[in-house]
Amino acid sequence: MRIDKFLKLSRIIKRRAVAKDLADQGRIEINDKRAKSAANVGTNDLITIHFGNKTLVVRVLKLAEIVKKDEAQDMYEVVSESYQQDDKEG
């Protein structure tokens, strides 16, 4: 399954176009390798997403073409979530 589609179906990212843009900007990695929006993801893959000052790492648990909202979280598990502080001094 394409990474942009997985992120949308799992509701990690609300819109596929946003997931595609993040991937095309080099802010998504699959198993520590930079991923394009068309890159395939499989079960047990680690996905790292860099949102501004937040980094989210999730493990893919299952793939599904049709997912209900309350089942979306069953597609992945959060491995880590970290925030980077701004080091600007004022």
Protein backbone atom coordinates (compact mmCIF):
# COMPACT_ATOMS: atom_id res chain seq x y z
CA MET A 1 0.00 0.00 0.00
CA ARG A 2 1.26 3.49 -0.79
CA ILE A 3 2.50 5.47 2.21
CA ASP A 4 0.22 8.45 1.50
CA LYS A 5 -2.82 6.18 1.34
CA PHE A 6 -1.87 4.35 4.55
CA LEU A 7 -1.42 7.61 6.47
CA LYS A 8 -4.83 8.81 5.34
CA LEU A 9 -6.69 5.52 6.00
CA SER A 10 -5.10 5.16 9.43
CA ARG A 11 -6.05 8.78 10.14
CA ILE A 12 -2.52 9.65 11.22
CA ILE A 13 -2.82 12.42 8.63
CA LYS A 14 -6.30 13.65 7.75
CA ARG A 15 -5.85 14.23 4.02
CA ARG A 16 -3.93 12.23 1.44
CA ALA A 17 -2.73 15.41 -0.28
CA VAL A 18 -1.10 16.53 2.97
CA ALA A 19 0.60 13.13 3.36
CA LYS A 20 1.83 13.37 -0.24
CA ASP A 21 3.24 16.85 0.35
CA LEU A 22 5.06 15.76 3.52
CA ALA A 23 6.60 12.80 1.71
CA ASP A 24 7.63 14.92 -1.27
CA GLN A 25 9.30 17.37 1.15
CA GLY A 26 11.38 14.49 2.57
CA ARG A 27 9.66 14.56 5.98
CA ILE A 28 8.53 10.90 5.97
CA GLU A 29 10.80 7.88 6.37
CA ILE A 30 10.09 4.16 6.13
CA ASN A 31 12.57 2.03 8.08
CA ASP A 32 14.97 5.03 8.32
CA LYS A 33 14.96 5.66 4.55
CA ARG A 34 13.41 8.79 3.07
CA ALA A 35 10.14 7.86 1.35
CA LYS A 36 8.33 9.36 -1.63
CA SER A 37 4.52 9.46 -1.55
CA ALA A 38 4.32 6.44 -3.87
CA ALA A 39 6.61 4.29 -1.68
CA ASN A 40 5.06 1.06 -0.48
CA VAL A 41 4.60 0.27 3.17
CA GLY A 42 4.09 -3.19 4.68
CA THR A 43 3.31 -4.70 8.06
CA ASN A 44 6.00 -4.22 10.72
CA ASP A 45 7.51 -1.26 8.85
CA LEU A 46 8.51 1.72 10.98
CA ILE A 47 7.23 5.05 9.70
CA THR A 48 8.82 8.27 10.95
CA ILE A 49 6.96 11.52 10.29
CA HIS A 50 8.47 14.95 10.97
CA PHE A 51 5.74 17.56 11.58
CA GLY A 52 7.43 20.87 12.33
CA ASN A 53 8.77 20.41 15.88
CA LYS A 54 7.07 17.02 16.44
CA THR A 55 8.43 13.65 15.36
CA LEU A 56 6.12 10.64 15.37
CA VAL A 57 7.29 7.05 14.91
CA VAL A 58 4.66 4.35 14.31
CA ARG A 59 4.81 0.63 13.47
CA VAL A 60 2.43 -0.69 10.83
CA LEU A 61 0.29 -3.48 12.31
CA LYS A 62 -2.10 -4.16 9.45
CA LEU A 63 -3.14 -2.91 6.04
CA ALA A 64 -6.75 -2.52 4.91
CA GLU A 65 -8.40 -0.87 1.93
CA ILE A 66 -11.55 0.12 3.81
CA VAL A 67 -11.34 1.27 7.42
CA LYS A 68 -14.00 2.59 9.76
CA LYS A 69 -13.05 5.57 11.91
CA ASP A 70 -13.05 3.58 15.16
CA GLU A 71 -10.85 0.85 13.61
CA ALA A 72 -8.19 3.19 12.19
CA GLN A 73 -6.00 3.05 15.31
CA ASP A 74 -5.78 -0.75 14.97
CA MET A 75 -3.65 -0.24 11.84
CA TYR A 76 -0.63 1.04 13.77
CA GLU A 77 1.02 1.44 17.15
CA VAL A 78 2.88 4.53 18.31
CA VAL A 79 6.51 3.66 19.00
CA SER A 80 7.60 7.14 20.03
CA GLU A 81 6.48 10.73 19.93
CA SER A 82 8.91 13.56 20.62
CA TYR A 83 8.92 17.33 20.51
CA GLN A 84 11.89 19.51 19.70
CA GLN A 85 12.06 22.80 21.56
CA ASP A 86 12.91 26.05 19.88
CA ASP A 87 16.39 27.13 20.99
CA LYS A 88 15.86 30.81 20.20
CA GLU A 89 16.95 33.19 22.92
CA GLY A 90 15.13 36.48 23.19
